[in-house]
Amino acid sequence: MTTTPSGVQTAARPTTAAARATDLSKVYGHGETQVIALDAVSVEFRQAEFTAIMGPSGSGKSTLMHCMAGLDTVSSGSTRIGDTELTALKDKKLTQLRRDKIGFIFQAFNLLPTLNALENITLPMDIAGRKADQAWLDRVVETVGLSGRLKHRPNQLSGGQQQRVAVARALAGKPDIIFADEPTGNLDSRSGAEVLGFLRNSVRELGQTVVMVTHDPVAASYADRVVFLADGRIVDELRDPSAEAVLDRMKRFDAKGRTS
């Protein structure tokens, strides 16, 4: 806890990095066809914090997330999950780290249609041969509001409920960090708000770390912090964002792009 000059105690900001990139570059192609997707990006994502990554189309948002999550290789620089340097890991160790330390939530849900909700949630742990912590699993299921839907298969669930299953699956293994790529892109506004609320609650109530790529200022407003990318570089940052403030920042980048 920290104490303000007026004597009010507030929760201290976390200072430990759950993930970090240092001078991270990603280049596709060679010569005239070369595209620099990331240009010497340095950024860290703190434990128990919800960060949104935003930027115009082609700015490098998803590339940054994929490189930091070990889903894509880097051209130069380094990425870390906790104290582990990803670029030094062999394929087997990298697969194990992704399985044990990282949770993923994607726009397409990626649920197996033949499994019910509970089986989809525990699937990564089942594959790894690990038994779920029942108390933690119960808490996660309650947090995302799925207690009455665990025996239902994906085709018996709404889009919002399917994405909640995906959120629970990412949380269930107690990962060090969750990467979410446009997790509300296929949802209506009400379902999207529910999922974003669950992600925010997982940070505040469960101490989870979440990094979310989004193009939506409203979605970004659920985060503690927004990092803005343009042309493969981090160009701005905003804490305690509102949708209006995020939209204003994005308009500035669009205006610069039109005048440059």
C-alpha atoms as a PDB file:
ATOM      1  CA  MET A   1       0.000   0.000   0.000  1.00  0.00           C
ATOM      2  CA  THR A   2       1.050   3.620  -0.559  1.00  0.00           C
ATOM      3  CA  THR A   3      -0.209   6.718   1.244  1.00  0.00           C
ATOM      4  CA  THR A   4      -1.095   9.935  -0.551  1.00  0.00           C
ATOM      5  CA  PRO A   5      -0.304  13.384   0.935  1.00  0.00           C
ATOM      6  CA  SER A   6      -3.921  13.526   2.152  1.00  0.00           C
ATOM      7  CA  GLY A   7      -3.415  10.324   4.132  1.00  0.00           C
ATOM      8  CA  VAL A   8      -5.463   8.050   1.838  1.00  0.00           C
ATOM      9  CA  GLN A   9      -4.030   4.577   1.270  1.00  0.00           C
ATOM     10  CA  THR A  10      -4.075   3.140  -2.241  1.00  0.00           C
ATOM     11  CA  ALA A  11      -2.786  -0.083  -3.754  1.00  0.00           C
ATOM     12  CA  ALA A  12       0.773   0.289  -4.980  1.00  0.00           C
ATOM     13  CA  ARG A  13       1.466  -0.222  -8.682  1.00  0.00           C
ATOM     14  CA  PRO A  14       3.159  -3.555  -9.387  1.00  0.00           C
ATOM     15  CA  THR A  15       6.825  -3.150 -10.332  1.00  0.00           C
ATOM     16  CA  THR A  16       7.858  -6.669 -11.365  1.00  0.00           C
ATOM     17  CA  ALA A  17       7.783  -7.371 -15.097  1.00  0.00           C
ATOM     18  CA  ALA A  18       5.802 -10.411 -16.207  1.00  0.00           C
ATOM     19  CA  ALA A  19       7.136  -9.932 -19.737  1.00  0.00           C
ATOM     20  CA  ARG A  20       9.718  -7.666 -21.311  1.00  0.00           C
ATOM     21  CA  ALA A  21      11.036  -6.851 -24.787  1.00  0.00           C
ATOM     22  CA  THR A  22      14.391  -5.124 -25.327  1.00  0.00           C
ATOM     23  CA  ASP A  23      15.325  -3.617 -28.707  1.00  0.00           C
ATOM     24  CA  LEU A  24      12.969  -6.106 -30.344  1.00  0.00           C
ATOM     25  CA  SER A  25      12.910  -6.045 -34.141  1.00  0.00           C
ATOM     26  CA  LYS A  26      11.021  -8.210 -36.595  1.00  0.00           C
ATOM     27  CA  VAL A  27      11.794  -7.976 -40.301  1.00  0.00           C
ATOM     28  CA  TYR A  28      10.023  -9.835 -43.102  1.00  0.00           C
ATOM     29  CA  GLY A  29      11.553 -10.287 -46.556  1.00  0.00           C
ATOM     30  CA  HIS A  30      14.714  -8.847 -48.065  1.00  0.00           C
ATOM     31  CA  GLY A  31      15.758  -6.013 -50.322  1.00  0.00           C
ATOM     32  CA  GLU A  32      12.925  -4.140 -52.001  1.00  0.00           C
ATOM     33  CA  THR A  33      10.316  -6.437 -50.451  1.00  0.00           C
ATOM     34  CA  GLN A  34      11.609  -5.982 -46.900  1.00  0.00           C
ATOM     35  CA  VAL A  35       9.029  -4.974 -44.306  1.00  0.00           C
ATOM     36  CA  ILE A  36      10.051  -3.827 -40.829  1.00  0.00           C
ATOM     37  CA  ALA A  37       7.148  -4.933 -38.632  1.00  0.00           C
ATOM     38  CA  LEU A  38       8.868  -4.034 -35.346  1.00  0.00           C
ATOM     39  CA  ASP A  39      11.673  -1.498 -35.072  1.00  0.00           C
ATOM     40  CA  ALA A  40      13.806  -1.808 -31.899  1.00  0.00           C
ATOM     41  CA  VAL A  41      10.833  -1.935 -29.515  1.00  0.00           C
ATOM     42  CA  SER A  42      11.509  -1.913 -25.775  1.00  0.00           C
ATOM     43  CA  VAL A  43       8.529  -2.409 -23.466  1.00  0.00           C
ATOM     44  CA  GLU A  44       7.580  -4.250 -20.305  1.00  0.00           C
ATOM     45  CA  PHE A  45       4.291  -5.556 -18.975  1.00  0.00           C
ATOM     46  CA  ARG A  46       3.966  -5.558 -15.211  1.00  0.00           C
ATOM     47  CA  GLN A  47       2.591  -8.322 -13.066  1.00  0.00           C
ATOM     48  CA  ALA A  48      -1.068  -8.019 -12.017  1.00  0.00           C
ATOM     49  CA  GLU A  49      -1.746  -5.331 -14.618  1.00  0.00           C
ATOM     50  CA  PHE A  50      -4.053  -5.163 -17.648  1.00  0.00           C
ATOM     51  CA  THR A  51      -2.352  -3.603 -20.695  1.00  0.00           C
ATOM     52  CA  ALA A  52      -3.929  -2.909 -24.078  1.00  0.00           C
ATOM     53  CA  ILE A  53      -1.843  -2.591 -27.251  1.00  0.00           C
ATOM     54  CA  MET A  54      -3.300  -0.305 -29.906  1.00  0.00           C
ATOM     55  CA  GLY A  55      -2.289   1.226 -33.202  1.00  0.00           C
ATOM     56  CA  PRO A  56      -3.331   1.629 -36.835  1.00  0.00           C
ATOM     57  CA  SER A  57      -3.590  -1.400 -39.101  1.00  0.00           C
ATOM     58  CA  GLY A  58      -0.086  -2.638 -39.892  1.00  0.00           C
ATOM     59  CA  SER A  59       1.487  -0.916 -36.890  1.00  0.00           C
ATOM     60  CA  GLY A  60       2.895  -4.150 -35.462  1.00  0.00           C
ATOM     61  CA  LYS A  61       0.395  -4.854 -32.657  1.00  0.00           C
ATOM     62  CA  SER A  62      -0.137  -8.558 -33.258  1.00  0.00           C
ATOM     63  CA  THR A  63       3.487  -9.083 -34.296  1.00  0.00           C
ATOM     64  CA  LEU A  64       4.648  -7.674 -30.970  1.00  0.00           C
ATOM     65  CA  MET A  65       2.290  -9.944 -29.060  1.00  0.00           C
ATOM     66  CA  HIS A  66       3.255 -13.015 -31.072  1.00  0.00           C
ATOM     67  CA  CYS A  67       6.981 -12.393 -30.608  1.00  0.00           C
ATOM     68  CA  MET A  68       6.632 -11.759 -26.881  1.00  0.00           C
ATOM     69  CA  ALA A  69       4.508 -14.881 -26.454  1.00  0.00           C
ATOM     70  CA  GLY A  70       6.988 -17.077 -28.300  1.00  0.00           C
ATOM     71  CA  LEU A  71       4.589 -17.703 -31.189  1.00  0.00           C
ATOM     72  CA  ASP A  72       6.937 -16.044 -33.689  1.00  0.00           C
ATOM     73  CA  THR A  73      10.707 -15.679 -33.932  1.00  0.00           C
ATOM     74  CA  VAL A  74      12.484 -12.335 -33.610  1.00  0.00           C
ATOM     75  CA  SER A  75      14.986 -10.821 -36.026  1.00  0.00           C
ATOM     76  CA  SER A  76      17.017  -9.122 -33.292  1.00  0.00           C
ATOM     77  CA  GLY A  77      16.717  -8.048 -29.679  1.00  0.00           C
ATOM     78  CA  SER A  78      15.313 -10.100 -26.832  1.00  0.00           C
ATOM     79  CA  THR A  79      12.052 -11.102 -25.192  1.00  0.00           C
ATOM     80  CA  ARG A  80      11.539 -12.430 -21.679  1.00  0.00           C
ATOM     81  CA  ILE A  81       8.739 -14.072 -19.760  1.00  0.00           C
ATOM     82  CA  GLY A  82       9.666 -13.381 -16.166  1.00  0.00           C
ATOM     83  CA  ASP A  83      13.397 -14.114 -15.973  1.00  0.00           C
ATOM     84  CA  THR A  84      13.410 -16.529 -18.926  1.00  0.00           C
ATOM     85  CA  GLU A  85      14.944 -15.353 -22.198  1.00  0.00           C
ATOM     86  CA  LEU A  86      12.809 -16.780 -25.016  1.00  0.00           C
ATOM     87  CA  THR A  87      15.275 -16.252 -27.858  1.00  0.00           C
ATOM     88  CA  ALA A  88      17.747 -18.632 -26.173  1.00  0.00           C
ATOM     89  CA  LEU A  89      15.272 -21.514 -25.854  1.00  0.00           C
ATOM     90  CA  LYS A  90      15.182 -24.614 -28.046  1.00  0.00           C
ATOM     91  CA  ASP A  91      11.841 -25.586 -29.569  1.00  0.00           C
ATOM     92  CA  LYS A  92      11.004 -28.163 -26.887  1.00  0.00           C
ATOM     93  CA  LYS A  93      11.732 -25.774 -24.010  1.00  0.00           C
ATOM     94  CA  LEU A  94       9.834 -22.972 -25.756  1.00  0.00           C
ATOM     95  CA  THR A  95       6.792 -25.220 -26.200  1.00  0.00           C
ATOM     96  CA  GLN A  96       6.960 -26.155 -22.519  1.00  0.00           C
ATOM     97  CA  LEU A  97       7.204 -22.503 -21.469  1.00  0.00           C
ATOM     98  CA  ARG A  98       4.193 -21.537 -23.580  1.00  0.00           C
ATOM     99  CA  ARG A  99       2.242 -24.436 -22.103  1.00  0.00           C
ATOM    100  CA  ASP A 100       3.163 -23.762 -18.467  1.00  0.00           C
ATOM    101  CA  LYS A 101       3.694 -19.996 -18.256  1.00  0.00           C
ATOM    102  CA  ILE A 102       1.472 -18.385 -20.891  1.00  0.00           C
ATOM    103  CA  GLY A 103      -2.284 -18.309 -21.475  1.00  0.00           C
ATOM    104  CA  PHE A 104      -3.768 -17.431 -24.868  1.00  0.00           C
ATOM    105  CA  ILE A 105      -7.155 -16.006 -25.833  1.00  0.00           C
ATOM    106  CA  PHE A 106      -7.935 -15.562 -29.516  1.00  0.00           C
ATOM    107  CA  GLN A 107     -10.744 -13.936 -31.469  1.00  0.00           C
ATOM    108  CA  ALA A 108     -11.855 -17.304 -32.892  1.00  0.00           C
ATOM    109  CA  PHE A 109     -12.382 -18.984 -29.455  1.00  0.00           C
ATOM    110  CA  ASN A 110     -10.604 -22.206 -30.635  1.00  0.00           C
ATOM    111  CA  LEU A 111     -12.837 -24.582 -28.673  1.00  0.00           C
ATOM    112  CA  LEU A 112     -13.144 -28.276 -29.534  1.00  0.00           C
ATOM    113  CA  PRO A 113     -16.779 -28.959 -30.526  1.00  0.00           C
ATOM    114  CA  THR A 114     -16.791 -32.520 -29.162  1.00  0.00           C
ATOM    115  CA  LEU A 115     -15.820 -31.434 -25.636  1.00  0.00           C
ATOM    116  CA  ASN A 116     -18.051 -29.711 -23.107  1.00  0.00           C
ATOM    117  CA  ALA A 117     -17.110 -26.400 -21.494  1.00  0.00           C
ATOM    118  CA  LEU A 118     -15.291 -27.937 -18.530  1.00  0.00           C
ATOM    119  CA  GLU A 119     -13.337 -30.317 -20.767  1.00  0.00           C
ATOM    120  CA  ASN A 120     -12.307 -27.414 -23.000  1.00  0.00           C
ATOM    121  CA  ILE A 121     -11.194 -25.437 -19.954  1.00  0.00           C
ATOM    122  CA  THR A 122      -8.991 -28.229 -18.591  1.00  0.00           C
ATOM    123  CA  LEU A 123      -7.747 -29.482 -21.988  1.00  0.00           C
ATOM    124  CA  PRO A 124      -4.266 -27.818 -21.889  1.00  0.00           C
ATOM    125  CA  MET A 125      -3.619 -29.259 -18.424  1.00  0.00           C
ATOM    126  CA  ASP A 126      -4.906 -32.663 -19.512  1.00  0.00           C
ATOM    127  CA  ILE A 127      -2.509 -32.650 -22.482  1.00  0.00           C
ATOM    128  CA  ALA A 128       0.362 -31.674 -20.177  1.00  0.00           C
ATOM    129  CA  GLY A 129      -0.552 -34.419 -17.715  1.00  0.00           C
ATOM    130  CA  ARG A 130      -1.191 -31.935 -14.917  1.00  0.00           C
ATOM    131  CA  LYS A 131      -4.115 -32.081 -12.539  1.00  0.00           C
ATOM    132  CA  ALA A 132      -6.127 -28.914 -12.081  1.00  0.00           C
ATOM    133  CA  ASP A 133      -6.084 -27.140  -8.736  1.00  0.00           C
ATOM    134  CA  GLN A 134      -9.776 -27.665  -7.967  1.00  0.00           C
ATOM    135  CA  ALA A 135     -10.105 -24.662  -5.646  1.00  0.00           C
ATOM    136  CA  TRP A 136      -8.515 -22.391  -8.264  1.00  0.00           C
ATOM    137  CA  LEU A 137     -10.581 -23.911 -11.067  1.00  0.00           C
ATOM    138  CA  ASP A 138     -13.785 -23.338  -9.086  1.00  0.00           C
ATOM    139  CA  ARG A 139     -12.768 -19.730  -8.490  1.00  0.00           C
ATOM    140  CA  VAL A 140     -12.003 -19.138 -12.162  1.00  0.00           C
ATOM    141  CA  VAL A 141     -15.318 -20.687 -13.254  1.00  0.00           C
ATOM    142  CA  GLU A 142     -17.161 -18.485 -10.769  1.00  0.00           C
ATOM    143  CA  THR A 143     -15.249 -15.390 -11.853  1.00  0.00           C
ATOM    144  CA  VAL A 144     -16.247 -15.849 -15.497  1.00  0.00           C
ATOM    145  CA  GLY A 145     -19.805 -16.853 -14.647  1.00  0.00           C
ATOM    146  CA  LEU A 146     -19.854 -20.348 -16.135  1.00  0.00           C
ATOM    147  CA  SER A 147     -20.979 -22.430 -13.167  1.00  0.00           C
ATOM    148  CA  GLY A 148     -24.255 -23.409 -14.828  1.00  0.00           C
ATOM    149  CA  ARG A 149     -22.783 -24.113 -18.283  1.00  0.00           C
ATOM    150  CA  LEU A 150     -19.919 -26.556 -17.660  1.00  0.00           C
ATOM    151  CA  LYS A 151     -21.682 -29.566 -19.217  1.00  0.00           C
ATOM    152  CA  HIS A 152     -22.678 -27.684 -22.358  1.00  0.00           C
ATOM    153  CA  ARG A 153     -20.814 -28.118 -25.630  1.00  0.00           C
ATOM    154  CA  PRO A 154     -19.741 -25.061 -27.675  1.00  0.00           C
ATOM    155  CA  ASN A 155     -22.733 -25.318 -30.050  1.00  0.00           C
ATOM    156  CA  GLN A 156     -25.016 -25.020 -27.011  1.00  0.00           C
ATOM    157  CA  LEU A 157     -23.361 -21.781 -25.890  1.00  0.00           C
ATOM    158  CA  SER A 158     -23.659 -18.209 -27.121  1.00  0.00           C
ATOM    159  CA  GLY A 159     -20.637 -16.469 -28.611  1.00  0.00           C
ATOM    160  CA  GLY A 160     -20.067 -14.600 -25.370  1.00  0.00           C
ATOM    161  CA  GLN A 161     -20.256 -17.814 -23.350  1.00  0.00           C
ATOM    162  CA  GLN A 162     -17.805 -19.530 -25.718  1.00  0.00           C
ATOM    163  CA  GLN A 163     -15.321 -16.717 -25.264  1.00  0.00           C
ATOM    164  CA  ARG A 164     -15.775 -16.954 -21.496  1.00  0.00           C
ATOM    165  CA  VAL A 165     -14.808 -20.625 -21.782  1.00  0.00           C
ATOM    166  CA  ALA A 166     -11.690 -19.514 -23.672  1.00  0.00           C
ATOM    167  CA  VAL A 167     -10.924 -16.976 -20.917  1.00  0.00           C
ATOM    168  CA  ALA A 168     -11.373 -19.638 -18.236  1.00  0.00           C
ATOM    169  CA  ARG A 169      -9.134 -22.029 -20.187  1.00  0.00           C
ATOM    170  CA  ALA A 170      -6.395 -19.396 -20.281  1.00  0.00           C
ATOM    171  CA  LEU A 171      -6.742 -18.714 -16.545  1.00  0.00           C
ATOM    172  CA  ALA A 172      -7.128 -22.279 -15.293  1.00  0.00           C
ATOM    173  CA  GLY A 173      -3.464 -23.234 -15.520  1.00  0.00           C
ATOM    174  CA  LYS A 174      -2.309 -20.230 -13.442  1.00  0.00           C
ATOM    175  CA  PRO A 175      -0.118 -18.776 -16.216  1.00  0.00           C
ATOM    176  CA  ASP A 176       2.333 -15.997 -15.497  1.00  0.00           C
ATOM    177  CA  ILE A 177       0.740 -13.917 -18.256  1.00  0.00           C
ATOM    178  CA  ILE A 178      -2.234 -14.037 -20.639  1.00  0.00           C
ATOM    179  CA  PHE A 179      -1.990 -12.709 -24.193  1.00  0.00           C
ATOM    180  CA  ALA A 180      -5.347 -11.887 -25.802  1.00  0.00           C
ATOM    181  CA  ASP A 181      -5.555 -11.087 -29.534  1.00  0.00           C
ATOM    182  CA  GLU A 182      -8.762  -9.163 -30.323  1.00  0.00           C
ATOM    183  CA  PRO A 183     -10.712 -11.311 -27.829  1.00  0.00           C
ATOM    184  CA  THR A 184     -13.993  -9.450 -28.411  1.00  0.00           C
ATOM    185  CA  GLY A 185     -13.697  -9.119 -32.206  1.00  0.00           C
ATOM    186  CA  ASN A 186     -16.398 -11.725 -32.892  1.00  0.00           C
ATOM    187  CA  LEU A 187     -18.767 -10.642 -30.129  1.00  0.00           C
ATOM    188  CA  ASP A 188     -21.656  -8.209 -29.913  1.00  0.00           C
ATOM    189  CA  SER A 189     -21.191  -5.194 -27.649  1.00  0.00           C
ATOM    190  CA  ARG A 190     -22.928  -6.735 -24.640  1.00  0.00           C
ATOM    191  CA  SER A 191     -21.002 -10.025 -24.795  1.00  0.00           C
ATOM    192  CA  GLY A 192     -17.780  -8.122 -25.435  1.00  0.00           C
ATOM    193  CA  ALA A 193     -18.339  -5.982 -22.341  1.00  0.00           C
ATOM    194  CA  GLU A 194     -18.910  -9.118 -20.269  1.00  0.00           C
ATOM    195  CA  VAL A 195     -15.666 -10.732 -21.437  1.00  0.00           C
ATOM    196  CA  LEU A 196     -13.685  -7.535 -20.885  1.00  0.00           C
ATOM    197  CA  GLY A 197     -15.158  -7.252 -17.406  1.00  0.00           C
ATOM    198  CA  PHE A 198     -14.046 -10.817 -16.657  1.00  0.00           C
ATOM    199  CA  LEU A 199     -10.531 -10.065 -17.883  1.00  0.00           C
ATOM    200  CA  ARG A 200     -10.364  -6.954 -15.705  1.00  0.00           C
ATOM    201  CA  ASN A 201     -11.675  -8.916 -12.714  1.00  0.00           C
ATOM    202  CA  SER A 202      -9.045 -11.603 -13.278  1.00  0.00           C
ATOM    203  CA  VAL A 203      -6.400  -8.899 -12.857  1.00  0.00           C
ATOM    204  CA  ARG A 204      -7.966  -7.214  -9.849  1.00  0.00           C
ATOM    205  CA  GLU A 205      -9.298 -10.264  -8.009  1.00  0.00           C
ATOM    206  CA  LEU A 206      -6.986 -13.080  -9.118  1.00  0.00           C
ATOM    207  CA  GLY A 207      -3.744 -11.128  -9.637  1.00  0.00           C
ATOM    208  CA  GLN A 208      -3.491 -12.155 -13.297  1.00  0.00           C
ATOM    209  CA  THR A 209      -1.400 -10.284 -15.879  1.00  0.00           C
ATOM    210  CA  VAL A 210      -3.193  -9.591 -19.174  1.00  0.00           C
ATOM    211  CA  VAL A 211      -1.881  -8.111 -22.430  1.00  0.00           C
ATOM    212  CA  MET A 212      -4.573  -7.486 -25.043  1.00  0.00           C
ATOM    213  CA  VAL A 213      -4.283  -6.406 -28.665  1.00  0.00           C
ATOM    214  CA  THR A 214      -7.342  -4.425 -29.716  1.00  0.00           C
ATOM    215  CA  HIS A 215      -8.482  -1.810 -32.218  1.00  0.00           C
ATOM    216  CA  ASP A 216     -11.470  -0.786 -30.072  1.00  0.00           C
ATOM    217  CA  PRO A 217     -11.137   2.281 -27.773  1.00  0.00           C
ATOM    218  CA  VAL A 218     -13.980   0.990 -25.583  1.00  0.00           C
ATOM    219  CA  ALA A 219     -12.185  -2.333 -25.087  1.00  0.00           C
ATOM    220  CA  ALA A 220      -8.949  -0.486 -24.311  1.00  0.00           C
ATOM    221  CA  SER A 221     -10.719   1.556 -21.629  1.00  0.00           C
ATOM    222  CA  TYR A 222     -11.008  -1.597 -19.493  1.00  0.00           C
ATOM    223  CA  ALA A 223      -7.212  -1.745 -19.221  1.00  0.00           C
ATOM    224  CA  ASP A 224      -4.957  -0.113 -16.638  1.00  0.00           C
ATOM    225  CA  ARG A 225      -2.627   1.072 -19.374  1.00  0.00           C
ATOM    226  CA  VAL A 226      -2.626   1.495 -23.149  1.00  0.00           C
ATOM    227  CA  VAL A 227       0.528   1.250 -25.265  1.00  0.00           C
ATOM    228  CA  PHE A 228       0.294   2.787 -28.752  1.00  0.00           C
ATOM    229  CA  LEU A 229       2.270   1.553 -31.764  1.00  0.00           C
ATOM    230  CA  ALA A 230       2.803   3.183 -35.144  1.00  0.00           C
ATOM    231  CA  ASP A 231       5.133   1.988 -37.916  1.00  0.00           C
ATOM    232  CA  GLY A 232       6.575  -0.706 -35.690  1.00  0.00           C
ATOM    233  CA  ARG A 233       7.521   1.624 -32.848  1.00  0.00           C
ATOM    234  CA  ILE A 234       5.976   2.546 -29.510  1.00  0.00           C
ATOM    235  CA  VAL A 235       4.908   6.162 -29.842  1.00  0.00           C
ATOM    236  CA  ASP A 236       2.756   6.829 -26.778  1.00  0.00           C
ATOM    237  CA  GLU A 237       1.322   5.429 -23.561  1.00  0.00           C
ATOM    238  CA  LEU A 238      -1.789   6.214 -21.538  1.00  0.00           C
ATOM    239  CA  ARG A 239      -2.660   5.171 -17.986  1.00  0.00           C
ATOM    240  CA  ASP A 240      -6.166   4.820 -16.513  1.00  0.00           C
ATOM    241  CA  PRO A 241      -7.641   5.320 -19.991  1.00  0.00           C
ATOM    242  CA  SER A 242     -11.138   6.358 -20.936  1.00  0.00           C
ATOM    243  CA  ALA A 243     -12.584   5.449 -24.333  1.00  0.00           C
ATOM    244  CA  GLU A 244     -12.646   9.157 -25.239  1.00  0.00           C
ATOM    245  CA  ALA A 245      -8.979   9.673 -24.345  1.00  0.00           C
ATOM    246  CA  VAL A 246      -7.939   6.588 -26.326  1.00  0.00           C
ATOM    247  CA  LEU A 247      -9.958   7.694 -29.360  1.00  0.00           C
ATOM    248  CA  ASP A 248      -8.379  11.148 -29.170  1.00  0.00           C
ATOM    249  CA  ARG A 249      -4.873   9.663 -29.184  1.00  0.00           C
ATOM    250  CA  MET A 250      -5.726   7.423 -32.128  1.00  0.00           C
ATOM    251  CA  LYS A 251      -7.093  10.383 -34.096  1.00  0.00           C
ATOM    252  CA  ARG A 252      -3.775  12.188 -33.603  1.00  0.00           C
ATOM    253  CA  PHE A 253      -1.867   9.248 -35.082  1.00  0.00           C
ATOM    254  CA  ASP A 254      -4.259   9.082 -38.043  1.00  0.00           C
ATOM    255  CA  ALA A 255      -3.818  12.807 -38.650  1.00  0.00           C
ATOM    256  CA  LYS A 256      -0.031  12.499 -38.560  1.00  0.00           C
ATOM    257  CA  GLY A 257      -0.204   9.613 -41.007  1.00  0.00           C
ATOM    258  CA  ARG A 258      -2.253  11.673 -43.462  1.00  0.00           C
ATOM    259  CA  THR A 259       0.083  14.670 -43.287  1.00  0.00           C
ATOM    260  CA  SER A 260       3.411  12.815 -43.341  1.00  0.00           C
END
